Amino acid sequence: MLTDINPKLPMRDKSLTKEFYTHRLGFRLLGEYDNYLIVGKDKIEIHFFEHQKLDPKENYGQIYIRTNNIEKLYQTLLDNKVQIHPNGNLETKPWGQKEFAILDPDNNLLTFGQSI
């Protein structure tokens, strides 16, 4: 039986990734190892593996994170000066989700969505 999913995304610089997720997005540090980082917030965890040769322009890492208060989350990120993806402003999609998206320092796409 499946119980959870914890995506693994590439990172070039562990300290930069840790700072972005903990200070800008409000995640807490769950684990930090030589070439590995784990952060969490509420009921989700994201794992990162070191990939120093990663070219952010060629990174297609993506995750979709569901929320139950998208407007508050969106405003919190704006207040924290987190840049919203140019094509990812908060809007209602035809598939019944209200969504927005951001990019992390390594160009991993994080899309946040709430059913409407």
N, C-alpha and C. Protein backbone atom coordinates (compact mmCIF):
# COMPACT_ATOMS: atom_id res chain seq x y z
N MET A 1 0.83 -1.19 0.00
CA MET A 1 0.00 0.00 0.00
C MET A 1 0.87 1.25 0.00
N LEU A 2 0.50 2.21 -0.80
CA LEU A 2 1.24 3.47 -0.88
C LEU A 2 0.75 4.43 0.19
N THR A 3 1.66 5.14 0.81
CA THR A 3 1.26 6.06 1.89
C THR A 3 1.68 7.51 1.67
N ASP A 4 2.80 7.73 1.03
CA ASP A 4 3.31 9.09 0.82
C ASP A 4 4.12 9.14 -0.46
N ILE A 5 4.37 10.35 -0.91
CA ILE A 5 5.31 10.55 -2.01
C ILE A 5 6.21 11.72 -1.62
N ASN A 6 7.50 11.55 -1.78
CA ASN A 6 8.48 12.57 -1.45
C ASN A 6 9.37 12.79 -2.67
N PRO A 7 9.07 13.81 -3.46
CA PRO A 7 9.84 14.02 -4.69
C PRO A 7 11.30 14.34 -4.38
N LYS A 8 12.17 13.97 -5.32
CA LYS A 8 13.59 14.26 -5.24
C LYS A 8 13.95 15.17 -6.41
N LEU A 9 14.54 16.31 -6.09
CA LEU A 9 14.90 17.29 -7.11
C LEU A 9 16.40 17.55 -7.06
N PRO A 10 16.99 17.93 -8.20
CA PRO A 10 18.41 18.25 -8.21
C PRO A 10 18.68 19.63 -7.63
N MET A 11 19.88 19.77 -7.05
CA MET A 11 20.34 21.07 -6.55
C MET A 11 21.83 21.20 -6.85
N ARG A 12 22.25 22.40 -7.13
CA ARG A 12 23.68 22.65 -7.36
C ARG A 12 24.39 23.04 -6.07
N ASP A 13 23.72 23.82 -5.23
CA ASP A 13 24.35 24.39 -4.04
C ASP A 13 23.42 24.17 -2.86
N LYS A 14 23.81 23.30 -1.96
CA LYS A 14 22.95 22.93 -0.83
C LYS A 14 22.61 24.14 0.04
N SER A 15 23.56 25.02 0.31
CA SER A 15 23.27 26.17 1.18
C SER A 15 22.27 27.13 0.53
N LEU A 16 22.38 27.33 -0.78
CA LEU A 16 21.45 28.19 -1.50
C LEU A 16 20.04 27.58 -1.51
N THR A 17 19.96 26.28 -1.76
CA THR A 17 18.67 25.60 -1.76
C THR A 17 18.04 25.64 -0.37
N LYS A 18 18.84 25.36 0.65
CA LYS A 18 18.33 25.39 2.03
C LYS A 18 17.81 26.78 2.39
N GLU A 19 18.55 27.81 2.04
CA GLU A 19 18.13 29.18 2.34
C GLU A 19 16.82 29.52 1.64
N PHE A 20 16.70 29.17 0.37
CA PHE A 20 15.49 29.49 -0.39
C PHE A 20 14.27 28.81 0.22
N TYR A 21 14.37 27.52 0.48
CA TYR A 21 13.20 26.79 0.97
C TYR A 21 12.87 27.12 2.42
N THR A 22 13.88 27.33 3.27
CA THR A 22 13.58 27.58 4.68
C THR A 22 13.25 29.04 4.96
N HIS A 23 13.99 29.97 4.36
CA HIS A 23 13.76 31.38 4.65
C HIS A 23 12.74 32.05 3.75
N ARG A 24 12.68 31.65 2.50
CA ARG A 24 11.76 32.30 1.56
C ARG A 24 10.41 31.61 1.47
N LEU A 25 10.43 30.25 1.54
CA LEU A 25 9.17 29.50 1.38
C LEU A 25 8.60 29.00 2.70
N GLY A 26 9.35 29.11 3.78
CA GLY A 26 8.82 28.72 5.08
C GLY A 26 8.88 27.24 5.41
N PHE A 27 9.72 26.48 4.70
CA PHE A 27 9.90 25.07 5.01
C PHE A 27 10.82 24.95 6.22
N ARG A 28 10.80 23.80 6.88
CA ARG A 28 11.75 23.54 7.96
C ARG A 28 12.75 22.49 7.49
N LEU A 29 13.92 22.56 8.04
CA LEU A 29 14.97 21.61 7.70
C LEU A 29 14.70 20.30 8.43
N LEU A 30 14.59 19.20 7.68
CA LEU A 30 14.35 17.88 8.26
C LEU A 30 15.60 17.02 8.26
N GLY A 31 16.52 17.27 7.35
CA GLY A 31 17.74 16.49 7.29
C GLY A 31 18.74 17.12 6.35
N GLU A 32 20.01 17.06 6.74
CA GLU A 32 21.08 17.62 5.92
C GLU A 32 22.27 16.68 6.00
N TYR A 33 22.69 16.19 4.85
CA TYR A 33 23.76 15.23 4.76
C TYR A 33 24.77 15.72 3.73
N ASP A 34 25.83 14.97 3.49
CA ASP A 34 26.89 15.42 2.58
C ASP A 34 26.34 15.99 1.28
N ASN A 35 25.62 15.20 0.54
CA ASN A 35 25.13 15.60 -0.78
C ASN A 35 23.61 15.53 -0.87
N TYR A 36 22.94 15.72 0.26
CA TYR A 36 21.50 15.48 0.30
C TYR A 36 20.87 16.46 1.28
N LEU A 37 19.64 16.87 0.98
CA LEU A 37 18.90 17.81 1.82
C LEU A 37 17.44 17.40 1.83
N ILE A 38 16.81 17.51 3.00
CA ILE A 38 15.38 17.21 3.12
C ILE A 38 14.72 18.39 3.84
N VAL A 39 13.66 18.94 3.22
CA VAL A 39 12.88 20.00 3.84
C VAL A 39 11.42 19.57 3.90
N GLY A 40 10.68 20.16 4.81
CA GLY A 40 9.27 19.82 4.94
C GLY A 40 8.45 21.02 5.37
N LYS A 41 7.18 20.94 5.03
CA LYS A 41 6.23 21.97 5.46
C LYS A 41 4.86 21.31 5.51
N ASP A 42 4.18 21.49 6.62
CA ASP A 42 2.87 20.88 6.83
C ASP A 42 2.98 19.37 6.60
N LYS A 43 2.33 18.83 5.58
CA LYS A 43 2.33 17.38 5.36
C LYS A 43 3.21 16.94 4.20
N ILE A 44 4.07 17.81 3.69
CA ILE A 44 4.90 17.40 2.55
C ILE A 44 6.38 17.46 2.89
N GLU A 45 7.15 16.66 2.17
CA GLU A 45 8.61 16.65 2.22
C GLU A 45 9.12 16.75 0.79
N ILE A 46 10.22 17.48 0.64
CA ILE A 46 10.93 17.51 -0.63
C ILE A 46 12.37 17.14 -0.34
N HIS A 47 12.90 16.22 -1.12
CA HIS A 47 14.29 15.78 -1.00
C HIS A 47 15.09 16.37 -2.16
N PHE A 48 16.35 16.68 -1.89
CA PHE A 48 17.24 17.24 -2.92
C PHE A 48 18.53 16.45 -2.94
N PHE A 49 19.02 16.16 -4.12
CA PHE A 49 20.31 15.51 -4.28
C PHE A 49 21.24 16.47 -5.01
N GLU A 50 22.51 16.42 -4.63
CA GLU A 50 23.49 17.31 -5.22
C GLU A 50 23.80 16.92 -6.67
N HIS A 51 23.80 17.94 -7.54
CA HIS A 51 24.11 17.77 -8.95
C HIS A 51 24.85 19.04 -9.37
N GLN A 52 26.13 19.10 -9.06
CA GLN A 52 26.91 20.33 -9.27
C GLN A 52 27.03 20.73 -10.73
N LYS A 53 26.92 19.79 -11.64
CA LYS A 53 27.05 20.11 -13.07
C LYS A 53 25.70 20.41 -13.72
N LEU A 54 24.66 20.52 -12.92
CA LEU A 54 23.33 20.81 -13.45
C LEU A 54 23.32 22.15 -14.17
N ASP A 55 22.80 22.16 -15.36
CA ASP A 55 22.57 23.40 -16.10
C ASP A 55 21.11 23.77 -15.87
N PRO A 56 20.84 24.85 -15.11
CA PRO A 56 19.44 25.20 -14.82
C PRO A 56 18.57 25.37 -16.07
N LYS A 57 19.17 25.79 -17.18
CA LYS A 57 18.41 25.96 -18.41
C LYS A 57 17.96 24.63 -19.00
N GLU A 58 18.58 23.55 -18.56
CA GLU A 58 18.21 22.22 -19.05
C GLU A 58 17.55 21.37 -17.97
N ASN A 59 17.18 21.99 -16.87
CA ASN A 59 16.54 21.26 -15.77
C ASN A 59 15.02 21.29 -15.95
N TYR A 60 14.42 20.12 -15.95
CA TYR A 60 12.97 20.02 -16.11
C TYR A 60 12.31 19.44 -14.86
N GLY A 61 12.99 19.56 -13.69
CA GLY A 61 12.40 19.10 -12.44
C GLY A 61 11.12 19.88 -12.15
N GLN A 62 10.07 19.13 -11.82
CA GLN A 62 8.77 19.76 -11.54
C GLN A 62 8.04 18.99 -10.47
N ILE A 63 7.34 19.71 -9.61
CA ILE A 63 6.41 19.06 -8.68
C ILE A 63 5.15 19.90 -8.58
N TYR A 64 4.06 19.23 -8.27
CA TYR A 64 2.75 19.88 -8.09
C TYR A 64 2.37 19.70 -6.63
N ILE A 65 2.12 20.80 -5.96
CA ILE A 65 1.82 20.79 -4.52
C ILE A 65 0.41 21.31 -4.32
N ARG A 66 -0.42 20.50 -3.72
CA ARG A 66 -1.80 20.93 -3.44
C ARG A 66 -1.86 21.69 -2.12
N THR A 67 -2.76 22.65 -2.07
CA THR A 67 -2.95 23.47 -0.87
C THR A 67 -4.45 23.67 -0.64
N ASN A 68 -4.80 24.07 0.57
CA ASN A 68 -6.21 24.34 0.85
C ASN A 68 -6.46 25.83 1.09
N ASN A 69 -5.44 26.68 0.86
CA ASN A 69 -5.62 28.12 0.98
C ASN A 69 -4.65 28.82 0.03
N ILE A 70 -4.94 28.72 -1.24
CA ILE A 70 -4.00 29.19 -2.26
C ILE A 70 -3.82 30.70 -2.25
N GLU A 71 -4.88 31.45 -1.97
CA GLU A 71 -4.75 32.90 -1.95
C GLU A 71 -3.79 33.35 -0.85
N LYS A 72 -3.91 32.76 0.33
CA LYS A 72 -3.02 33.12 1.44
C LYS A 72 -1.58 32.73 1.12
N LEU A 73 -1.37 31.54 0.58
CA LEU A 73 -0.02 31.10 0.21
C LEU A 73 0.58 32.03 -0.83
N TYR A 74 -0.20 32.36 -1.84
CA TYR A 74 0.27 33.26 -2.90
C TYR A 74 0.70 34.60 -2.31
N GLN A 75 -0.13 35.17 -1.44
CA GLN A 75 0.19 36.47 -0.85
C GLN A 75 1.41 36.38 0.06
N THR A 76 1.55 35.29 0.80
CA THR A 76 2.72 35.10 1.66
C THR A 76 3.99 35.08 0.84
N LEU A 77 3.98 34.38 -0.29
CA LEU A 77 5.17 34.33 -1.13
C LEU A 77 5.46 35.69 -1.75
N LEU A 78 4.43 36.41 -2.15
CA LEU A 78 4.65 37.77 -2.66
C LEU A 78 5.25 38.65 -1.57
N ASP A 79 4.74 38.54 -0.34
CA ASP A 79 5.27 39.32 0.78
C ASP A 79 6.72 38.98 1.07
N ASN A 80 7.10 37.73 0.83
CA ASN A 80 8.48 37.28 1.04
C ASN A 80 9.37 37.53 -0.17
N LYS A 81 8.85 38.29 -1.15
CA LYS A 81 9.60 38.66 -2.35
C LYS A 81 10.02 37.46 -3.19
N VAL A 82 9.21 36.40 -3.17
CA VAL A 82 9.45 35.24 -4.02
C VAL A 82 8.90 35.58 -5.40
N GLN A 83 9.74 35.42 -6.41
CA GLN A 83 9.32 35.76 -7.77
C GLN A 83 8.38 34.68 -8.31
N ILE A 84 7.23 35.10 -8.78
CA ILE A 84 6.26 34.21 -9.41
C ILE A 84 6.73 33.96 -10.85
N HIS A 85 6.57 32.73 -11.33
CA HIS A 85 6.97 32.38 -12.69
C HIS A 85 6.24 33.32 -13.66
N PRO A 86 6.93 33.82 -14.69
CA PRO A 86 6.28 34.75 -15.64
C PRO A 86 4.99 34.21 -16.25
N ASN A 87 4.88 32.91 -16.43
CA ASN A 87 3.66 32.32 -16.98
C ASN A 87 2.85 31.62 -15.89
N GLY A 88 3.12 31.94 -14.63
CA GLY A 88 2.50 31.19 -13.55
C GLY A 88 1.76 32.02 -12.53
N ASN A 89 1.20 33.16 -12.93
CA ASN A 89 0.43 33.96 -11.98
C ASN A 89 -0.80 33.20 -11.51
N LEU A 90 -1.31 33.57 -10.37
CA LEU A 90 -2.48 32.93 -9.79
C LEU A 90 -3.68 33.09 -10.73
N GLU A 91 -4.23 31.94 -11.14
CA GLU A 91 -5.41 31.97 -12.01
C GLU A 91 -6.14 30.64 -11.94
N THR A 92 -7.40 30.69 -12.35
CA THR A 92 -8.23 29.49 -12.40
C THR A 92 -8.01 28.81 -13.75
N LYS A 93 -7.73 27.52 -13.70
CA LYS A 93 -7.45 26.75 -14.90
C LYS A 93 -8.71 26.01 -15.36
N PRO A 94 -8.80 25.63 -16.63
CA PRO A 94 -9.98 24.94 -17.15
C PRO A 94 -10.21 23.57 -16.50
N TRP A 95 -9.18 23.00 -15.89
CA TRP A 95 -9.32 21.68 -15.27
C TRP A 95 -9.76 21.75 -13.81
N GLY A 96 -10.29 22.92 -13.40
CA GLY A 96 -10.89 23.03 -12.08
C GLY A 96 -9.92 23.27 -10.94
N GLN A 97 -8.76 23.83 -11.24
CA GLN A 97 -7.77 24.15 -10.22
C GLN A 97 -7.44 25.63 -10.29
N LYS A 98 -7.23 26.22 -9.12
CA LYS A 98 -6.65 27.55 -9.05
C LYS A 98 -5.17 27.32 -8.78
N GLU A 99 -4.28 27.91 -9.61
CA GLU A 99 -2.87 27.58 -9.56
C GLU A 99 -1.98 28.80 -9.71
N PHE A 100 -0.73 28.64 -9.23
CA PHE A 100 0.36 29.54 -9.56
C PHE A 100 1.65 28.74 -9.49
N ALA A 101 2.75 29.31 -10.03
CA ALA A 101 4.01 28.56 -10.09
C ALA A 101 5.20 29.47 -9.80
N ILE A 102 6.25 28.85 -9.26
CA ILE A 102 7.52 29.54 -9.02
C ILE A 102 8.66 28.63 -9.48
N LEU A 103 9.83 29.22 -9.62
CA LEU A 103 11.05 28.46 -9.91
C LEU A 103 11.99 28.60 -8.72
N ASP A 104 12.64 27.51 -8.34
CA ASP A 104 13.63 27.59 -7.28
C ASP A 104 14.98 27.97 -7.90
N PRO A 105 16.04 28.11 -7.10
CA PRO A 105 17.32 28.55 -7.65
C PRO A 105 17.91 27.66 -8.74
N ASP A 106 17.46 26.41 -8.83
CA ASP A 106 17.97 25.50 -9.85
C ASP A 106 17.00 25.28 -11.00
N ASN A 107 15.98 26.11 -11.07
CA ASN A 107 14.97 26.06 -12.12
C ASN A 107 14.00 24.90 -11.97
N ASN A 108 13.92 24.31 -10.77
CA ASN A 108 12.86 23.33 -10.51
C ASN A 108 11.55 24.09 -10.42
N LEU A 109 10.54 23.63 -11.15
CA LEU A 109 9.24 24.29 -11.19
C LEU A 109 8.36 23.73 -10.08
N LEU A 110 7.87 24.63 -9.22
CA LEU A 110 6.92 24.26 -8.18
C LEU A 110 5.59 24.90 -8.52
N THR A 111 4.60 24.08 -8.81
CA THR A 111 3.26 24.57 -9.09
C THR A 111 2.40 24.25 -7.89
N PHE A 112 1.67 25.26 -7.41
CA PHE A 112 0.77 25.12 -6.28
C PHE A 112 -0.65 25.18 -6.79
N GLY A 113 -1.52 24.29 -6.32
CA GLY A 113 -2.88 24.25 -6.81
C GLY A 113 -3.89 23.92 -5.75
N GLN A 114 -5.10 24.43 -5.96
CA GLN A 114 -6.22 24.16 -5.07
C GLN A 114 -7.45 23.88 -5.93
N SER A 115 -8.17 22.81 -5.60
CA SER A 115 -9.41 22.51 -6.31
C SER A 115 -10.44 23.58 -6.00
N ILE A 116 -11.22 23.92 -7.03
CA ILE A 116 -12.26 24.92 -6.83
C ILE A 116 -13.63 24.31 -7.05
